[in-house]
């Protein structure tokens, strides 16, 4: 779908779409052809892109732990790259927006968003099992107390994006009536709900005091002026780090991993594709008609 939208807006000769699974890229060729589009379809690793090419727009249709360096290198002057960046937790994703200026300078930011594509090939994920969810609802906990400080609001996505990376290992149960967060790795959890308009009832269980971790990070986040986006820095050694504008809240992104497996994946590998149609359309409309576009960089699983 991503490639089709880009072809419709930019012209199919300006579009390259890439994925890891040869069977599915062959299927994509046929389906795009049925729509009257004949972009270049490449079978290969999404994180490597298309060497020796430059693109005015790059869209990665799977979540990554850091922005693929090869795709940054393939970004043409004046170009823009979009990629969802997240940790092992599916709860609080970010959108990396990378731009290369006309003189070749690269700037980037990490924006807190509500939804993201599913994880790419080889990327580990953590989840709350149904049994764990039930324990979070029914078990008494190590301690229960009243708390005057409330947790950050759901719409404070800049905080929750930082929590995803700085605290690590946490998954939220968005189906719970109030705040419920677990750490599957160690079995810790916290549940909290409003007791009245000034106090919260908080129950914690396990070796991690997740409530204290949240409150401590919230204080750092507010001291950094409560950002909803962070600058993304690409260091000379290949490392990547996110930081608030004032620099008081920052973290390093994980280094990319090489699983050593042959290229394989599926075209359009994101789930819930209709959810991303607006993103795809905005991306395509923003691309110059005479520019080169790398879209639908599938990484599959």
C-alpha atoms as a PDB file:
ATOM      1  CA  UNK A   1       0.000   0.000   0.000  1.00  0.00           C
ATOM      2  CA  UNK A   2       2.815   2.420   0.867  1.00  0.00           C
ATOM      3  CA  UNK A   3       4.485   1.925  -2.495  1.00  0.00           C
ATOM      4  CA  UNK A   4       1.180   2.272  -4.348  1.00  0.00           C
ATOM      5  CA  UNK A   5       0.399   5.604  -2.668  1.00  0.00           C
ATOM      6  CA  UNK A   6       3.892   6.912  -3.429  1.00  0.00           C
ATOM      7  CA  UNK A   7       3.616   5.787  -7.056  1.00  0.00           C
ATOM      8  CA  UNK A   8       0.246   7.492  -7.427  1.00  0.00           C
ATOM      9  CA  UNK A   9       1.576  10.810  -6.102  1.00  0.00           C
ATOM     10  CA  UNK A  10       5.173  10.830  -7.364  1.00  0.00           C
ATOM     11  CA  UNK A  11       5.106   8.631 -10.442  1.00  0.00           C
ATOM     12  CA  UNK A  12       6.219   5.022 -10.330  1.00  0.00           C
ATOM     13  CA  UNK A  13       9.589   5.652 -11.970  1.00  0.00           C
ATOM     14  CA  UNK A  14      10.605   7.738  -8.952  1.00  0.00           C
ATOM     15  CA  UNK A  15       9.803   5.023  -6.379  1.00  0.00           C
ATOM     16  CA  UNK A  16      11.898   2.136  -5.035  1.00  0.00           C
ATOM     17  CA  UNK A  17      10.304  -0.343  -2.607  1.00  0.00           C
ATOM     18  CA  UNK A  18      12.360  -2.945  -0.754  1.00  0.00           C
ATOM     19  CA  UNK A  19      11.712  -6.060   1.306  1.00  0.00           C
ATOM     20  CA  UNK A  20      13.490  -9.190   2.542  1.00  0.00           C
ATOM     21  CA  UNK A  21      11.245 -11.950   1.184  1.00  0.00           C
ATOM     22  CA  UNK A  22      11.690 -12.734  -2.512  1.00  0.00           C
ATOM     23  CA  UNK A  23       8.316 -14.481  -2.787  1.00  0.00           C
ATOM     24  CA  UNK A  24       6.544 -11.427  -1.473  1.00  0.00           C
ATOM     25  CA  UNK A  25       8.507  -8.925  -3.533  1.00  0.00           C
ATOM     26  CA  UNK A  26       7.577 -10.949  -6.604  1.00  0.00           C
ATOM     27  CA  UNK A  27       3.956 -10.812  -5.482  1.00  0.00           C
ATOM     28  CA  UNK A  28       4.287  -7.053  -4.964  1.00  0.00           C
ATOM     29  CA  UNK A  29       5.519  -6.613  -8.538  1.00  0.00           C
ATOM     30  CA  UNK A  30       2.402  -8.367  -9.813  1.00  0.00           C
ATOM     31  CA  UNK A  31      -0.021  -6.488  -7.571  1.00  0.00           C
ATOM     32  CA  UNK A  32       1.498  -3.084  -8.289  1.00  0.00           C
ATOM     33  CA  UNK A  33       1.445  -3.903 -11.990  1.00  0.00           C
ATOM     34  CA  UNK A  34      -2.279  -4.686 -11.732  1.00  0.00           C
ATOM     35  CA  UNK A  35      -2.697  -1.122 -10.452  1.00  0.00           C
ATOM     36  CA  UNK A  36      -0.700   0.233 -13.368  1.00  0.00           C
ATOM     37  CA  UNK A  37       2.473   0.922 -11.334  1.00  0.00           C
ATOM     38  CA  UNK A  38       5.955  -0.379 -12.102  1.00  0.00           C
ATOM     39  CA  UNK A  39       8.345   0.932  -9.437  1.00  0.00           C
ATOM     40  CA  UNK A  40      11.724  -0.658  -8.821  1.00  0.00           C
ATOM     41  CA  UNK A  41      11.160  -3.542  -6.379  1.00  0.00           C
ATOM     42  CA  UNK A  42      14.276  -4.740  -4.559  1.00  0.00           C
ATOM     43  CA  UNK A  43      14.752  -7.871  -2.427  1.00  0.00           C
ATOM     44  CA  UNK A  44      17.186  -7.183   0.398  1.00  0.00           C
ATOM     45  CA  UNK A  45      17.685  -6.041   3.980  1.00  0.00           C
ATOM     46  CA  UNK A  46      15.741  -2.915   4.874  1.00  0.00           C
ATOM     47  CA  UNK A  47      18.528  -1.744   7.171  1.00  0.00           C
ATOM     48  CA  UNK A  48      20.959  -1.684   4.220  1.00  0.00           C
ATOM     49  CA  UNK A  49      18.605   0.110   1.854  1.00  0.00           C
ATOM     50  CA  UNK A  50      19.797   0.359  -1.748  1.00  0.00           C
ATOM     51  CA  UNK A  51      23.563   1.040  -1.849  1.00  0.00           C
ATOM     52  CA  UNK A  52      24.900   3.670  -4.251  1.00  0.00           C
ATOM     53  CA  UNK A  53      21.497   5.368  -4.462  1.00  0.00           C
ATOM     54  CA  UNK A  54      20.145   8.552  -2.925  1.00  0.00           C
ATOM     55  CA  UNK A  55      16.522   9.279  -2.081  1.00  0.00           C
ATOM     56  CA  UNK A  56      14.554  12.428  -1.370  1.00  0.00           C
ATOM     57  CA  UNK A  57      12.144  10.579   0.902  1.00  0.00           C
ATOM     58  CA  UNK A  58      12.664   7.354   2.895  1.00  0.00           C
ATOM     59  CA  UNK A  59       9.915   5.632   4.883  1.00  0.00           C
ATOM     60  CA  UNK A  60      10.638   2.540   7.001  1.00  0.00           C
ATOM     61  CA  UNK A  61       7.536   0.387   7.511  1.00  0.00           C
ATOM     62  CA  UNK A  62       8.746  -1.538  10.584  1.00  0.00           C
ATOM     63  CA  UNK A  63       9.927  -0.479  14.049  1.00  0.00           C
ATOM     64  CA  UNK A  64      13.645  -0.305  14.788  1.00  0.00           C
ATOM     65  CA  UNK A  65      15.740   0.208  17.924  1.00  0.00           C
ATOM     66  CA  UNK A  66      17.805   2.906  16.202  1.00  0.00           C
ATOM     67  CA  UNK A  67      17.803   4.598  12.808  1.00  0.00           C
ATOM     68  CA  UNK A  68      19.632   2.464  10.196  1.00  0.00           C
ATOM     69  CA  UNK A  69      22.872   4.278   9.373  1.00  0.00           C
ATOM     70  CA  UNK A  70      22.824   3.155   5.738  1.00  0.00           C
ATOM     71  CA  UNK A  71      19.465   4.830   5.173  1.00  0.00           C
ATOM     72  CA  UNK A  72      20.809   8.100   6.568  1.00  0.00           C
ATOM     73  CA  UNK A  73      23.721   7.880   4.152  1.00  0.00           C
ATOM     74  CA  UNK A  74      21.294   7.314   1.268  1.00  0.00           C
ATOM     75  CA  UNK A  75      19.279  10.434   2.120  1.00  0.00           C
ATOM     76  CA  UNK A  76      19.791  13.093  -0.533  1.00  0.00           C
ATOM     77  CA  UNK A  77      20.336  16.803   0.272  1.00  0.00           C
ATOM     78  CA  UNK A  78      16.943  18.264   1.139  1.00  0.00           C
ATOM     79  CA  UNK A  79      15.632  14.772   1.964  1.00  0.00           C
ATOM     80  CA  UNK A  80      13.551  13.419   4.860  1.00  0.00           C
ATOM     81  CA  UNK A  81      13.532   9.972   6.497  1.00  0.00           C
ATOM     82  CA  UNK A  82      10.780   8.611   8.768  1.00  0.00           C
ATOM     83  CA  UNK A  83      11.222   5.542  10.995  1.00  0.00           C
ATOM     84  CA  UNK A  84       9.466   4.310  14.122  1.00  0.00           C
ATOM     85  CA  UNK A  85      11.968   3.835  16.954  1.00  0.00           C
ATOM     86  CA  UNK A  86      11.071   1.792  20.020  1.00  0.00           C
ATOM     87  CA  UNK A  87      12.523  -0.496  22.660  1.00  0.00           C
ATOM     88  CA  UNK A  88      11.530  -4.107  23.315  1.00  0.00           C
ATOM     89  CA  UNK A  89       8.288  -2.777  24.807  1.00  0.00           C
ATOM     90  CA  UNK A  90       5.390  -2.112  22.416  1.00  0.00           C
ATOM     91  CA  UNK A  91       3.842   0.497  24.702  1.00  0.00           C
ATOM     92  CA  UNK A  92       5.412   3.909  23.998  1.00  0.00           C
ATOM     93  CA  UNK A  93       6.870   4.322  20.504  1.00  0.00           C
ATOM     94  CA  UNK A  94       8.643   7.264  18.924  1.00  0.00           C
ATOM     95  CA  UNK A  95       8.919   8.542  15.372  1.00  0.00           C
ATOM     96  CA  UNK A  96      12.395   9.509  14.178  1.00  0.00           C
ATOM     97  CA  UNK A  97      12.331  12.372  11.667  1.00  0.00           C
ATOM     98  CA  UNK A  98      15.726  12.757   9.972  1.00  0.00           C
ATOM     99  CA  UNK A  99      16.488  15.576   7.541  1.00  0.00           C
ATOM    100  CA  UNK A 100      19.503  16.361   5.406  1.00  0.00           C
ATOM    101  CA  UNK A 101      19.852  20.036   4.521  1.00  0.00           C
ATOM    102  CA  UNK A 102      20.769  21.339   1.097  1.00  0.00           C
ATOM    103  CA  UNK A 103      24.400  21.658   2.236  1.00  0.00           C
ATOM    104  CA  UNK A 104      24.473  18.062   3.522  1.00  0.00           C
ATOM    105  CA  UNK A 105      24.026  18.631   7.275  1.00  0.00           C
ATOM    106  CA  UNK A 106      21.931  15.991   9.073  1.00  0.00           C
ATOM    107  CA  UNK A 107      19.493  16.937  11.844  1.00  0.00           C
ATOM    108  CA  UNK A 108      16.992  14.651  13.550  1.00  0.00           C
ATOM    109  CA  UNK A 109      14.421  14.474  16.303  1.00  0.00           C
ATOM    110  CA  UNK A 110      12.494  11.746  18.077  1.00  0.00           C
ATOM    111  CA  UNK A 111       8.798  12.530  18.484  1.00  0.00           C
ATOM    112  CA  UNK A 112       6.457  10.758  20.874  1.00  0.00           C
ATOM    113  CA  UNK A 113       3.598   9.100  18.967  1.00  0.00           C
ATOM    114  CA  UNK A 114       0.640   6.901  19.857  1.00  0.00           C
ATOM    115  CA  UNK A 115       1.038   4.058  17.370  1.00  0.00           C
ATOM    116  CA  UNK A 116       3.876   2.400  15.462  1.00  0.00           C
ATOM    117  CA  UNK A 117       4.527  -0.464  13.091  1.00  0.00           C
ATOM    118  CA  UNK A 118       5.376  -3.848  14.525  1.00  0.00           C
ATOM    119  CA  UNK A 119       8.983  -4.760  15.256  1.00  0.00           C
ATOM    120  CA  UNK A 120      11.328  -5.617  12.436  1.00  0.00           C
ATOM    121  CA  UNK A 121      13.067  -8.902  11.776  1.00  0.00           C
ATOM    122  CA  UNK A 122      15.161 -10.172  14.709  1.00  0.00           C
ATOM    123  CA  UNK A 123      13.964  -7.515  17.176  1.00  0.00           C
ATOM    124  CA  UNK A 124      12.963  -8.952  20.563  1.00  0.00           C
ATOM    125  CA  UNK A 125       9.634  -7.966  22.129  1.00  0.00           C
ATOM    126  CA  UNK A 126       8.232  -8.276  25.650  1.00  0.00           C
ATOM    127  CA  UNK A 127       4.547  -8.738  26.408  1.00  0.00           C
ATOM    128  CA  UNK A 128       2.150  -9.067  29.329  1.00  0.00           C
ATOM    129  CA  UNK A 129       0.630 -12.539  29.379  1.00  0.00           C
ATOM    130  CA  UNK A 130      -3.014 -12.892  30.337  1.00  0.00           C
ATOM    131  CA  UNK A 131      -1.918 -14.598  33.574  1.00  0.00           C
ATOM    132  CA  UNK A 132       0.332 -11.659  34.430  1.00  0.00           C
ATOM    133  CA  UNK A 133      -2.478  -9.201  33.674  1.00  0.00           C
ATOM    134  CA  UNK A 134      -4.783 -11.046  36.054  1.00  0.00           C
ATOM    135  CA  UNK A 135      -2.127 -11.000  38.793  1.00  0.00           C
ATOM    136  CA  UNK A 136      -1.783  -7.251  38.375  1.00  0.00           C
ATOM    137  CA  UNK A 137      -5.531  -6.872  38.947  1.00  0.00           C
ATOM    138  CA  UNK A 138      -6.111  -9.363  41.750  1.00  0.00           C
ATOM    139  CA  UNK A 139      -2.931  -9.843  43.840  1.00  0.00           C
ATOM    140  CA  UNK A 140      -2.477  -7.771  47.013  1.00  0.00           C
ATOM    141  CA  UNK A 141       1.008  -6.456  46.246  1.00  0.00           C
ATOM    142  CA  UNK A 142       4.063  -5.879  48.424  1.00  0.00           C
ATOM    143  CA  UNK A 143       2.652  -2.591  49.681  1.00  0.00           C
ATOM    144  CA  UNK A 144      -0.280  -0.239  49.089  1.00  0.00           C
ATOM    145  CA  UNK A 145      -0.320   3.436  50.019  1.00  0.00           C
ATOM    146  CA  UNK A 146      -1.899   6.741  49.160  1.00  0.00           C
ATOM    147  CA  UNK A 147       0.088   9.084  46.967  1.00  0.00           C
ATOM    148  CA  UNK A 148      -0.365  12.808  46.488  1.00  0.00           C
ATOM    149  CA  UNK A 149       1.719  12.980  43.288  1.00  0.00           C
ATOM    150  CA  UNK A 150      -0.245  11.676  40.317  1.00  0.00           C
ATOM    151  CA  UNK A 151       1.420   9.828  37.448  1.00  0.00           C
ATOM    152  CA  UNK A 152       1.940  11.760  34.217  1.00  0.00           C
ATOM    153  CA  UNK A 153      -1.165  11.951  32.048  1.00  0.00           C
ATOM    154  CA  UNK A 154      -1.664   9.632  29.078  1.00  0.00           C
ATOM    155  CA  UNK A 155      -1.243  12.607  26.749  1.00  0.00           C
ATOM    156  CA  UNK A 156       2.196  13.344  28.269  1.00  0.00           C
ATOM    157  CA  UNK A 157       3.668  11.133  25.563  1.00  0.00           C
ATOM    158  CA  UNK A 158       7.076  12.781  25.793  1.00  0.00           C
ATOM    159  CA  UNK A 159       7.397  11.419  29.324  1.00  0.00           C
ATOM    160  CA  UNK A 160       6.246   7.922  28.398  1.00  0.00           C
ATOM    161  CA  UNK A 161       8.624   7.866  25.428  1.00  0.00           C
ATOM    162  CA  UNK A 162      11.487   8.632  27.819  1.00  0.00           C
ATOM    163  CA  UNK A 163      10.202   5.981  30.258  1.00  0.00           C
ATOM    164  CA  UNK A 164      10.269   3.390  27.481  1.00  0.00           C
ATOM    165  CA  UNK A 165      14.021   3.892  27.056  1.00  0.00           C
ATOM    166  CA  UNK A 166      15.275   5.167  30.424  1.00  0.00           C
ATOM    167  CA  UNK A 167      13.368   2.788  32.710  1.00  0.00           C
ATOM    168  CA  UNK A 168      13.236  -0.156  30.306  1.00  0.00           C
ATOM    169  CA  UNK A 169      11.482  -3.510  30.481  1.00  0.00           C
ATOM    170  CA  UNK A 170       8.023  -2.038  31.192  1.00  0.00           C
ATOM    171  CA  UNK A 171       4.782  -2.786  29.393  1.00  0.00           C
ATOM    172  CA  UNK A 172       1.503  -1.019  30.053  1.00  0.00           C
ATOM    173  CA  UNK A 173      -1.847  -2.767  30.159  1.00  0.00           C
ATOM    174  CA  UNK A 174      -3.924  -0.274  28.191  1.00  0.00           C
ATOM    175  CA  UNK A 175      -7.022  -2.402  28.766  1.00  0.00           C
ATOM    176  CA  UNK A 176      -6.986  -1.720  32.511  1.00  0.00           C
ATOM    177  CA  UNK A 177      -9.373   0.851  33.960  1.00  0.00           C
ATOM    178  CA  UNK A 178      -6.537   2.880  35.476  1.00  0.00           C
ATOM    179  CA  UNK A 179      -2.742   2.852  35.332  1.00  0.00           C
ATOM    180  CA  UNK A 180      -1.291  -0.688  35.286  1.00  0.00           C
ATOM    181  CA  UNK A 181       2.318  -1.345  34.269  1.00  0.00           C
ATOM    182  CA  UNK A 182       4.313  -4.559  34.521  1.00  0.00           C
ATOM    183  CA  UNK A 183       7.909  -5.688  34.101  1.00  0.00           C
ATOM    184  CA  UNK A 184       7.631  -9.237  32.677  1.00  0.00           C
ATOM    185  CA  UNK A 185      11.353  -9.840  33.073  1.00  0.00           C
ATOM    186  CA  UNK A 186      11.303  -9.739  36.873  1.00  0.00           C
ATOM    187  CA  UNK A 187       7.577 -10.034  37.651  1.00  0.00           C
ATOM    188  CA  UNK A 188       7.230  -6.548  39.132  1.00  0.00           C
ATOM    189  CA  UNK A 189       4.127  -4.460  38.590  1.00  0.00           C
ATOM    190  CA  UNK A 190       2.290  -1.345  39.741  1.00  0.00           C
ATOM    191  CA  UNK A 191      -1.363  -0.406  39.639  1.00  0.00           C
ATOM    192  CA  UNK A 192      -2.653   3.029  40.571  1.00  0.00           C
ATOM    193  CA  UNK A 193      -6.042   4.689  40.518  1.00  0.00           C
ATOM    194  CA  UNK A 194      -7.517   7.963  41.766  1.00  0.00           C
ATOM    195  CA  UNK A 195      -8.937   7.740  45.294  1.00  0.00           C
ATOM    196  CA  UNK A 196     -10.307  11.281  45.231  1.00  0.00           C
ATOM    197  CA  UNK A 197      -9.448  14.488  43.410  1.00  0.00           C
ATOM    198  CA  UNK A 198      -6.158  14.863  45.349  1.00  0.00           C
ATOM    199  CA  UNK A 199      -4.855  11.365  46.108  1.00  0.00           C
ATOM    200  CA  UNK A 200      -4.005   8.155  44.309  1.00  0.00           C
ATOM    201  CA  UNK A 201      -4.123   4.626  45.683  1.00  0.00           C
ATOM    202  CA  UNK A 202      -0.936   2.846  44.607  1.00  0.00           C
ATOM    203  CA  UNK A 203      -0.106  -0.866  44.886  1.00  0.00           C
ATOM    204  CA  UNK A 204       3.356  -2.199  44.015  1.00  0.00           C
ATOM    205  CA  UNK A 205       4.706  -5.744  43.850  1.00  0.00           C
ATOM    206  CA  UNK A 206       8.079  -7.260  42.988  1.00  0.00           C
ATOM    207  CA  UNK A 207      11.744  -6.315  43.256  1.00  0.00           C
ATOM    208  CA  UNK A 208      11.286  -3.105  41.242  1.00  0.00           C
ATOM    209  CA  UNK A 209       9.495  -0.139  42.770  1.00  0.00           C
ATOM    210  CA  UNK A 210       8.024   0.969  39.456  1.00  0.00           C
ATOM    211  CA  UNK A 211       6.013   3.770  41.069  1.00  0.00           C
ATOM    212  CA  UNK A 212       9.142   5.384  42.503  1.00  0.00           C
ATOM    213  CA  UNK A 213      10.919   4.964  39.165  1.00  0.00           C
ATOM    214  CA  UNK A 214       8.050   6.745  37.403  1.00  0.00           C
ATOM    215  CA  UNK A 215       7.964   9.590  39.922  1.00  0.00           C
ATOM    216  CA  UNK A 216      11.744  10.081  39.822  1.00  0.00           C
ATOM    217  CA  UNK A 217      11.781  10.177  36.029  1.00  0.00           C
ATOM    218  CA  UNK A 218       8.750  12.486  35.979  1.00  0.00           C
ATOM    219  CA  UNK A 219      10.688  14.970  38.110  1.00  0.00           C
ATOM    220  CA  UNK A 220      13.592  14.849  35.627  1.00  0.00           C
ATOM    221  CA  UNK A 221      11.198  15.222  32.699  1.00  0.00           C
ATOM    222  CA  UNK A 222       9.510  18.281  34.214  1.00  0.00           C
ATOM    223  CA  UNK A 223      12.907  19.796  35.048  1.00  0.00           C
ATOM    224  CA  UNK A 224      13.733  19.414  31.337  1.00  0.00           C
ATOM    225  CA  UNK A 225      10.608  21.517  30.508  1.00  0.00           C
ATOM    226  CA  UNK A 226       8.345  18.498  29.857  1.00  0.00           C
ATOM    227  CA  UNK A 227       9.426  17.868  26.229  1.00  0.00           C
ATOM    228  CA  UNK A 228       7.199  15.992  23.781  1.00  0.00           C
ATOM    229  CA  UNK A 229      10.121  15.453  21.394  1.00  0.00           C
ATOM    230  CA  UNK A 230      13.872  15.025  21.699  1.00  0.00           C
ATOM    231  CA  UNK A 231      16.838  15.867  19.558  1.00  0.00           C
ATOM    232  CA  UNK A 232      18.404  12.796  17.993  1.00  0.00           C
ATOM    233  CA  UNK A 233      22.195  12.933  17.764  1.00  0.00           C
ATOM    234  CA  UNK A 234      24.349  10.717  15.545  1.00  0.00           C
ATOM    235  CA  UNK A 235      27.805  10.424  17.082  1.00  0.00           C
ATOM    236  CA  UNK A 236      31.033   9.960  15.157  1.00  0.00           C
ATOM    237  CA  UNK A 237      31.435   6.437  16.582  1.00  0.00           C
ATOM    238  CA  UNK A 238      28.084   5.395  15.125  1.00  0.00           C
ATOM    239  CA  UNK A 239      26.166   5.713  18.392  1.00  0.00           C
ATOM    240  CA  UNK A 240      22.794   7.434  18.596  1.00  0.00           C
ATOM    241  CA  UNK A 241      21.364   9.329  21.541  1.00  0.00           C
ATOM    242  CA  UNK A 242      18.195  11.259  22.277  1.00  0.00           C
ATOM    243  CA  UNK A 243      18.260  14.394  24.423  1.00  0.00           C
ATOM    244  CA  UNK A 244      15.888  17.134  25.509  1.00  0.00           C
ATOM    245  CA  UNK A 245      16.546  20.632  24.181  1.00  0.00           C
ATOM    246  CA  UNK A 246      18.251  21.653  27.435  1.00  0.00           C
ATOM    247  CA  UNK A 247      20.171  18.360  27.683  1.00  0.00           C
ATOM    248  CA  UNK A 248      18.904  17.533  31.187  1.00  0.00           C
ATOM    249  CA  UNK A 249      17.207  14.335  30.046  1.00  0.00           C
ATOM    250  CA  UNK A 250      18.979  12.031  27.605  1.00  0.00           C
ATOM    251  CA  UNK A 251      19.630   8.390  26.770  1.00  0.00           C
ATOM    252  CA  UNK A 252      21.555   6.295  24.259  1.00  0.00           C
ATOM    253  CA  UNK A 253      19.820   4.097  21.729  1.00  0.00           C
ATOM    254  CA  UNK A 254      20.974   0.478  21.391  1.00  0.00           C
ATOM    255  CA  UNK A 255      23.628  -0.320  18.811  1.00  0.00           C
ATOM    256  CA  UNK A 256      22.295  -2.056  15.689  1.00  0.00           C
ATOM    257  CA  UNK A 257      22.641  -5.831  15.681  1.00  0.00           C
ATOM    258  CA  UNK A 258      23.623  -8.140  12.840  1.00  0.00           C
ATOM    259  CA  UNK A 259      21.724 -11.424  13.011  1.00  0.00           C
ATOM    260  CA  UNK A 260      23.716 -12.877  10.115  1.00  0.00           C
ATOM    261  CA  UNK A 261      20.612 -14.336   8.452  1.00  0.00           C
ATOM    262  CA  UNK A 262      19.899 -14.062   4.745  1.00  0.00           C
ATOM    263  CA  UNK A 263      17.527 -11.341   3.628  1.00  0.00           C
ATOM    264  CA  UNK A 264      13.908 -12.319   4.016  1.00  0.00           C
ATOM    265  CA  UNK A 265      10.700 -10.498   4.940  1.00  0.00           C
ATOM    266  CA  UNK A 266       7.368  -9.394   3.549  1.00  0.00           C
ATOM    267  CA  UNK A 267       6.178  -6.396   1.597  1.00  0.00           C
ATOM    268  CA  UNK A 268       3.931  -4.098   3.605  1.00  0.00           C
ATOM    269  CA  UNK A 269       4.953  -5.852   6.799  1.00  0.00           C
ATOM    270  CA  UNK A 270       3.237  -3.422   9.194  1.00  0.00           C
ATOM    271  CA  UNK A 271      -0.017  -4.561  10.781  1.00  0.00           C
ATOM    272  CA  UNK A 272      -3.154  -2.411  10.780  1.00  0.00           C
ATOM    273  CA  UNK A 273      -2.093  -0.778   7.526  1.00  0.00           C
ATOM    274  CA  UNK A 274      -5.111   1.520   7.276  1.00  0.00           C
ATOM    275  CA  UNK A 275      -3.934   3.190  10.464  1.00  0.00           C
ATOM    276  CA  UNK A 276      -0.893   4.472   8.600  1.00  0.00           C
ATOM    277  CA  UNK A 277      -2.567   5.627   5.384  1.00  0.00           C
ATOM    278  CA  UNK A 278      -2.518   9.236   6.536  1.00  0.00           C
ATOM    279  CA  UNK A 279       1.193   9.011   7.325  1.00  0.00           C
ATOM    280  CA  UNK A 280       1.911   7.457   3.945  1.00  0.00           C
ATOM    281  CA  UNK A 281      -0.146  10.058   2.106  1.00  0.00           C
ATOM    282  CA  UNK A 282       1.456  12.971   3.949  1.00  0.00           C
ATOM    283  CA  UNK A 283       4.888  11.534   3.213  1.00  0.00           C
ATOM    284  CA  UNK A 284       4.124  11.112  -0.464  1.00  0.00           C
ATOM    285  CA  UNK A 285       2.530  14.551  -0.831  1.00  0.00           C
ATOM    286  CA  UNK A 286       5.623  16.115   0.720  1.00  0.00           C
ATOM    287  CA  UNK A 287       7.951  14.473  -1.842  1.00  0.00           C
ATOM    288  CA  UNK A 288       9.041  16.382  -4.901  1.00  0.00           C
ATOM    289  CA  UNK A 289       7.499  14.858  -8.014  1.00  0.00           C
ATOM    290  CA  UNK A 290      10.904  14.780  -9.688  1.00  0.00           C
ATOM    291  CA  UNK A 291      12.636  13.301  -6.628  1.00  0.00           C
ATOM    292  CA  UNK A 292      13.540   9.729  -5.720  1.00  0.00           C
ATOM    293  CA  UNK A 293      11.492   7.991  -3.027  1.00  0.00           C
ATOM    294  CA  UNK A 294      12.405   4.843  -1.064  1.00  0.00           C
ATOM    295  CA  UNK A 295       9.220   3.536   0.548  1.00  0.00           C
ATOM    296  CA  UNK A 296       7.851   0.361   2.069  1.00  0.00           C
ATOM    297  CA  UNK A 297      11.226  -0.716   3.381  1.00  0.00           C
ATOM    298  CA  UNK A 298       9.914  -3.975   4.843  1.00  0.00           C
ATOM    299  CA  UNK A 299      11.975  -5.873   7.397  1.00  0.00           C
ATOM    300  CA  UNK A 300       9.498  -8.620   8.264  1.00  0.00           C
ATOM    301  CA  UNK A 301       9.771 -11.418  10.787  1.00  0.00           C
END
